[in-house]
Amino acid sequence: MSSNGHSITHVSDTARWTALHRATESARPDALFNDPLAERLAGEHGRAIVAGVPWTNRSGWWLVARTKIIDDAIADVLANGCDRVLNLAAGLDTRPYRLDLPPELTWIEADLPKLLAEKTQLLADQAPRCRLTRTAVDLADPTARDAFFNEALDGATKAFVLTEGLSMYLEYADIAALSGAVQRPEVSWWMLDIAFPGLRKQINKNVTGIGESAPFKFAPENGLAFFEELGWRTVEAESLLAAAYRLHRLPLWMRPLAWLPKSDLRHPGNKPASLVALFTH
């Protein structure tokens, strides 16, 4: 815990939260994925964050479902000719070490310098399964962002851009600017998760430290349509509640919610929900 009593003191701390849930899932006999490095990356801080959330959010079912959906999407795009992966705000993700990847694939992680330096140190004894590079960049800085994309996409023809666990922490203008930066001919797919207004309100109120140190901001009332109006076409999209139910990870007490009519992913209103979407342009 930090001195102010909160487990989350910076948006990068949420990476430890996610890592701990990957570790917990990996320990299950029926695990949906195997991440042997997740517990190392989560550390005591990750355990403190999970211990500080209400019991209703402690299973991390949405983070487990999100991880599995993205894992499967990466396998699909690789089968369809993807020749580069850009993971923006990569945090403590370990996919280059745990997925079945072509050795010649170039995978680029981008994030803030401090977190990348810590991750590099923690994984110094590990070998990735592809050509992995890490680039420290502030994606909110337009000049730095454009320079990063120019270099990262050099030579690529069918790139997959992943923005996992980032969009909800950005302002609407920042999302629109990032969308414009990603819309390049070398990029064939963009995948990200999107929170809805009800979830923004719920998380900012109930998760220790989030509202003060890393509040949810972006939660469009028009869901997928927000991105479609920016020129993207939805390839596939699924609410995390529906995905968790499909994957048998939704807590027992929540399962009746999955029996209700499915959420309109373009007009979600104030439901406390989120989705993962794959876009092309």
Protein backbone atom coordinates (compact mmCIF):
# COMPACT_ATOMS: atom_id res chain seq x y z
CA MET A 1 0.00 0.00 0.00
CA SER A 2 1.11 3.54 -0.60
CA SER A 3 1.45 6.14 2.14
CA ASN A 4 -1.93 7.65 1.28
CA GLY A 5 -3.65 4.31 1.89
CA HIS A 6 -4.25 3.53 -1.75
CA SER A 7 -2.88 0.61 -3.70
CA ILE A 8 -3.09 2.44 -7.04
CA THR A 9 -1.04 5.63 -7.17
CA HIS A 10 -0.41 5.81 -10.93
CA VAL A 11 -2.07 4.38 -14.03
CA SER A 12 0.90 2.03 -14.52
CA ASP A 13 -0.05 0.29 -11.25
CA THR A 14 -3.06 -1.20 -13.03
CA ALA A 15 -0.58 -3.37 -14.98
CA ARG A 16 0.25 -5.14 -11.70
CA TRP A 17 -3.45 -5.67 -11.05
CA THR A 18 -3.86 -7.30 -14.46
CA ALA A 19 -0.73 -9.42 -14.01
CA LEU A 20 -1.98 -10.88 -10.73
CA HIS A 21 -5.22 -12.02 -12.35
CA ARG A 22 -3.21 -13.65 -15.16
CA ALA A 23 -1.22 -15.48 -12.50
CA THR A 24 -4.37 -16.61 -10.71
CA GLU A 25 -5.89 -17.90 -13.96
CA SER A 26 -2.67 -19.68 -14.90
CA ALA A 27 -2.76 -21.61 -11.62
CA ARG A 28 -6.16 -23.14 -12.41
CA PRO A 29 -6.26 -26.74 -13.65
CA ASP A 30 -8.56 -25.60 -16.45
CA ALA A 31 -6.61 -22.40 -17.24
CA LEU A 32 -7.57 -20.53 -20.41
CA PHE A 33 -3.94 -19.49 -20.86
CA ASN A 34 -0.60 -20.08 -19.17
CA ASP A 35 1.48 -17.14 -18.02
CA PRO A 36 4.31 -18.40 -15.80
CA LEU A 37 5.81 -14.91 -15.53
CA ALA A 38 2.70 -13.09 -14.32
CA GLU A 39 3.19 -13.67 -10.59
CA ARG A 40 6.75 -12.38 -10.76
CA LEU A 41 5.57 -9.20 -12.49
CA ALA A 42 2.57 -8.59 -10.23
CA GLY A 43 4.62 -8.77 -7.02
CA GLU A 44 3.34 -7.73 -3.61
CA HIS A 45 1.94 -4.53 -5.07
CA GLY A 46 -0.34 -6.48 -7.38
CA ARG A 47 -1.62 -8.58 -4.50
CA ALA A 48 -2.28 -5.44 -2.45
CA ILE A 49 -4.31 -3.90 -5.28
CA VAL A 50 -6.53 -6.96 -5.65
CA ALA A 51 -6.95 -7.20 -1.88
CA GLY A 52 -8.16 -3.59 -1.88
CA VAL A 53 -11.03 -3.98 -4.33
CA PRO A 54 -14.57 -4.96 -3.26
CA TRP A 55 -15.21 -8.71 -3.19
CA THR A 56 -17.62 -8.27 -6.10
CA ASN A 57 -14.69 -7.27 -8.34
CA ARG A 58 -12.01 -9.50 -6.86
CA SER A 59 -12.20 -12.44 -9.28
CA GLY A 60 -10.98 -10.34 -12.21
CA TRP A 61 -13.28 -12.23 -14.58
CA TRP A 62 -13.23 -9.36 -17.10
CA LEU A 63 -9.43 -9.23 -17.20
CA VAL A 64 -9.21 -12.99 -17.74
CA ALA A 65 -11.81 -12.83 -20.53
CA ARG A 66 -10.07 -9.86 -22.14
CA THR A 67 -6.72 -11.65 -22.13
CA LYS A 68 -8.18 -14.76 -23.76
CA ILE A 69 -10.07 -12.80 -26.44
CA ILE A 70 -6.90 -10.92 -27.42
CA ASP A 71 -4.76 -14.07 -27.37
CA ASP A 72 -7.19 -15.70 -29.82
CA ALA A 73 -7.33 -12.59 -32.04
CA ILE A 74 -3.54 -12.52 -32.31
CA ALA A 75 -3.51 -16.15 -33.41
CA ASP A 76 -6.13 -15.29 -36.06
CA VAL A 77 -4.30 -12.26 -37.48
CA LEU A 78 -1.02 -14.18 -37.61
CA ALA A 79 -2.82 -16.83 -39.64
CA ASN A 80 -3.99 -14.03 -41.94
CA GLY A 81 -0.57 -12.59 -42.73
CA CYS A 82 0.16 -10.23 -39.84
CA ASP A 83 3.85 -9.33 -40.00
CA ARG A 84 4.18 -6.93 -37.07
CA VAL A 85 2.59 -6.37 -33.66
CA LEU A 86 2.62 -3.01 -31.90
CA ASN A 87 1.49 -3.18 -28.28
CA LEU A 88 0.77 0.37 -27.14
CA ALA A 89 0.95 0.92 -23.36
CA ALA A 90 2.16 -2.68 -23.13
CA GLY A 91 2.50 -2.56 -19.37
CA LEU A 92 3.47 -5.93 -17.93
CA ASP A 93 2.11 -7.99 -20.81
CA THR A 94 4.04 -11.21 -21.51
CA ARG A 95 2.55 -12.42 -24.80
CA PRO A 96 5.95 -12.37 -26.62
CA TYR A 97 7.13 -14.93 -24.05
CA ARG A 98 4.09 -17.18 -23.79
CA LEU A 99 2.25 -17.27 -27.15
CA ASP A 100 3.09 -19.54 -30.06
CA LEU A 101 4.71 -16.93 -32.33
CA PRO A 102 6.80 -17.07 -35.49
CA PRO A 103 10.45 -16.44 -34.53
CA GLU A 104 10.75 -13.89 -37.35
CA LEU A 105 7.78 -11.81 -36.15
CA THR A 106 8.67 -8.28 -35.02
CA TRP A 107 6.84 -7.33 -31.82
CA ILE A 108 7.23 -3.81 -30.45
CA GLU A 109 6.17 -2.75 -26.97
CA ALA A 110 5.64 0.93 -26.22
CA ASP A 111 5.14 2.44 -22.78
CA LEU A 112 6.50 4.96 -20.32
CA PRO A 113 10.23 4.68 -19.54
CA LYS A 114 10.01 3.71 -15.86
CA LEU A 115 7.65 0.79 -16.35
CA LEU A 116 9.56 -0.55 -19.35
CA ALA A 117 12.85 -0.35 -17.47
CA GLU A 118 11.39 -2.27 -14.53
CA LYS A 119 9.90 -4.90 -16.85
CA THR A 120 13.17 -5.34 -18.73
CA GLN A 121 14.98 -5.90 -15.45
CA LEU A 122 12.40 -8.38 -14.12
CA LEU A 123 12.48 -10.42 -17.34
CA ALA A 124 16.22 -10.18 -18.02
CA ASP A 125 16.62 -13.96 -17.66
CA GLN A 126 13.80 -14.74 -20.12
CA ALA A 127 13.95 -15.19 -23.90
CA PRO A 128 11.01 -14.00 -26.04
CA ARG A 129 9.68 -16.25 -28.79
CA CYS A 130 9.92 -13.55 -31.47
CA ARG A 131 11.91 -10.40 -32.27
CA LEU A 132 10.92 -8.22 -29.34
CA THR A 133 11.89 -4.59 -28.90
CA ARG A 134 10.76 -2.03 -26.34
CA THR A 135 10.41 1.69 -26.97
CA ALA A 136 9.89 4.30 -24.29
CA VAL A 137 7.42 6.88 -25.62
CA ASP A 138 4.72 9.21 -24.35
CA LEU A 139 1.84 8.41 -26.70
CA ALA A 140 0.07 11.61 -25.64
CA ASP A 141 2.86 13.67 -27.25
CA PRO A 142 1.90 14.04 -30.95
CA THR A 143 5.45 14.56 -32.17
CA ALA A 144 6.84 11.62 -30.21
CA ARG A 145 3.86 9.46 -31.19
CA ASP A 146 4.29 10.12 -34.91
CA ALA A 147 8.03 9.47 -34.73
CA PHE A 148 7.34 6.20 -32.95
CA PHE A 149 4.87 5.00 -35.59
CA ASN A 150 7.19 6.01 -38.42
CA GLU A 151 9.96 3.87 -36.99
CA ALA A 152 7.84 1.01 -35.63
CA LEU A 153 5.96 0.46 -38.89
CA ASP A 154 8.96 0.77 -41.20
CA GLY A 155 8.90 -2.29 -43.47
CA ALA A 156 5.55 -3.61 -42.18
CA THR A 157 2.72 -4.46 -44.56
CA LYS A 158 0.02 -5.97 -42.29
CA ALA A 159 0.48 -4.68 -38.77
CA PHE A 160 -1.72 -5.41 -35.76
CA VAL A 161 -1.95 -2.62 -33.19
CA LEU A 162 -3.05 -3.54 -29.68
CA THR A 163 -4.29 -0.98 -27.16
CA GLU A 164 -5.22 -3.03 -24.10
CA GLY A 165 -6.28 -1.44 -20.84
CA LEU A 166 -5.45 2.07 -22.04
CA SER A 167 -8.40 3.78 -23.71
CA MET A 168 -10.43 4.28 -20.53
CA TYR A 169 -7.66 6.39 -18.98
CA LEU A 170 -7.46 8.83 -21.92
CA GLU A 171 -9.47 11.92 -22.79
CA TYR A 172 -11.82 11.78 -25.79
CA ALA A 173 -9.55 14.09 -27.80
CA ASP A 174 -6.57 11.82 -27.06
CA ILE A 175 -8.47 8.79 -28.35
CA ALA A 176 -9.39 10.63 -31.56
CA ALA A 177 -5.76 11.69 -32.03
CA LEU A 178 -4.52 8.13 -31.41
CA SER A 179 -7.07 6.83 -33.91
CA GLY A 180 -5.70 9.19 -36.55
CA ALA A 181 -2.14 8.13 -35.79
CA VAL A 182 -2.98 4.43 -36.12
CA GLN A 183 -4.85 4.87 -39.42
CA ARG A 184 -1.87 4.16 -41.66
CA PRO A 185 -1.69 1.92 -44.70
CA GLU A 186 0.71 -0.45 -42.93
CA VAL A 187 -1.87 -1.12 -40.19
CA SER A 188 -4.48 -3.76 -41.00
CA TRP A 189 -6.03 -4.19 -37.53
CA TRP A 190 -6.52 -2.20 -34.34
CA MET A 191 -7.78 -3.97 -31.21
CA LEU A 192 -8.80 -2.30 -27.99
CA ASP A 193 -11.15 -2.55 -25.05
CA ILE A 194 -13.80 0.10 -24.44
CA ALA A 195 -15.57 0.92 -21.18
CA PHE A 196 -19.17 2.13 -21.04
CA PRO A 197 -20.37 5.11 -18.92
CA GLY A 198 -21.86 2.96 -16.16
CA LEU A 199 -18.58 1.12 -15.69
CA ARG A 200 -16.62 4.37 -15.54
CA LYS A 201 -18.83 5.55 -12.69
CA GLN A 202 -18.68 2.20 -10.87
CA ILE A 203 -14.90 1.76 -11.12
CA ASN A 204 -14.04 5.34 -10.16
CA LYS A 205 -16.25 5.01 -7.09
CA ASN A 206 -15.43 1.50 -5.90
CA VAL A 207 -11.80 0.63 -6.74
CA THR A 208 -9.32 1.91 -4.18
CA GLY A 209 -7.10 4.64 -5.61
CA ILE A 210 -8.54 4.66 -9.14
CA GLY A 211 -10.71 7.75 -8.77
CA GLU A 212 -7.85 9.75 -7.25
CA SER A 213 -4.81 8.48 -9.15
CA ALA A 214 -5.97 6.82 -12.39
CA PRO A 215 -9.61 7.71 -13.07
CA PHE A 216 -11.56 6.24 -15.96
CA LYS A 217 -12.29 9.02 -18.46
CA PHE A 218 -13.13 7.63 -21.89
CA ALA A 219 -16.45 5.77 -21.91
CA PRO A 220 -18.45 6.65 -25.03
CA GLU A 221 -22.22 6.40 -24.87
CA ASN A 222 -22.17 5.34 -28.53
CA GLY A 223 -19.68 2.51 -27.99
CA LEU A 224 -18.48 1.04 -31.29
CA ALA A 225 -20.07 3.86 -33.25
CA PHE A 226 -17.52 6.29 -31.77
CA PHE A 227 -14.77 4.50 -33.70
CA GLU A 228 -16.85 3.82 -36.79
CA GLU A 229 -17.43 7.56 -37.08
CA LEU A 230 -13.63 7.97 -37.07
CA GLY A 231 -13.36 5.74 -40.14
CA TRP A 232 -12.96 2.28 -38.61
CA ARG A 233 -14.95 -0.82 -39.53
CA THR A 234 -15.81 -3.32 -36.81
CA VAL A 235 -14.51 -6.81 -37.62
CA GLU A 236 -15.69 -8.36 -34.36
CA ALA A 237 -16.74 -7.19 -30.93
CA GLU A 238 -17.92 -8.87 -27.75
CA SER A 239 -18.91 -7.59 -24.34
CA LEU A 240 -16.63 -8.88 -21.61
CA LEU A 241 -19.62 -10.10 -19.62
CA ALA A 242 -20.76 -12.25 -22.55
CA ALA A 243 -17.21 -13.47 -23.12
CA ALA A 244 -16.70 -14.38 -19.46
CA TYR A 245 -19.97 -16.33 -19.50
CA ARG A 246 -18.93 -18.12 -22.70
CA LEU A 247 -15.56 -18.96 -21.17
CA HIS A 248 -17.08 -20.13 -17.86
CA ARG A 249 -15.40 -17.39 -15.84
CA LEU A 250 -18.41 -15.31 -14.81
CA PRO A 251 -19.02 -15.58 -11.03
CA LEU A 252 -22.08 -17.63 -10.10
CA TRP A 253 -23.96 -14.66 -8.67
CA MET A 254 -23.51 -12.73 -11.93
CA ARG A 255 -24.61 -15.42 -14.36
CA PRO A 256 -28.27 -14.30 -14.49
CA LEU A 257 -27.00 -11.04 -16.04
CA ALA A 258 -25.76 -13.03 -19.02
CA TRP A 259 -29.27 -14.38 -19.59
CA LEU A 260 -30.67 -10.90 -20.13
CA PRO A 261 -30.97 -9.43 -23.65
CA LYS A 262 -27.52 -8.66 -25.01
CA SER A 263 -26.21 -5.12 -24.68
CA ASP A 264 -26.36 -2.90 -27.75
CA LEU A 265 -22.66 -2.30 -28.31
CA ARG A 266 -23.44 0.92 -30.21
CA HIS A 267 -25.93 2.31 -27.68
CA PRO A 268 -24.81 0.92 -24.31
CA GLY A 269 -26.33 3.73 -22.27
CA ASN A 270 -25.36 3.63 -18.61
CA LYS A 271 -24.77 -0.10 -18.23
CA PRO A 272 -21.65 -0.93 -16.16
CA ALA A 273 -20.07 -2.91 -18.97
CA SER A 274 -17.19 -3.02 -21.41
CA LEU A 275 -16.23 -4.70 -24.66
CA VAL A 276 -13.26 -5.75 -26.74
CA ALA A 277 -13.32 -4.84 -30.42
CA LEU A 278 -11.22 -5.57 -33.46
CA PHE A 279 -11.28 -2.84 -36.12
CA THR A 280 -9.96 -2.44 -39.63
CA HIS A 281 -10.02 0.52 -41.99
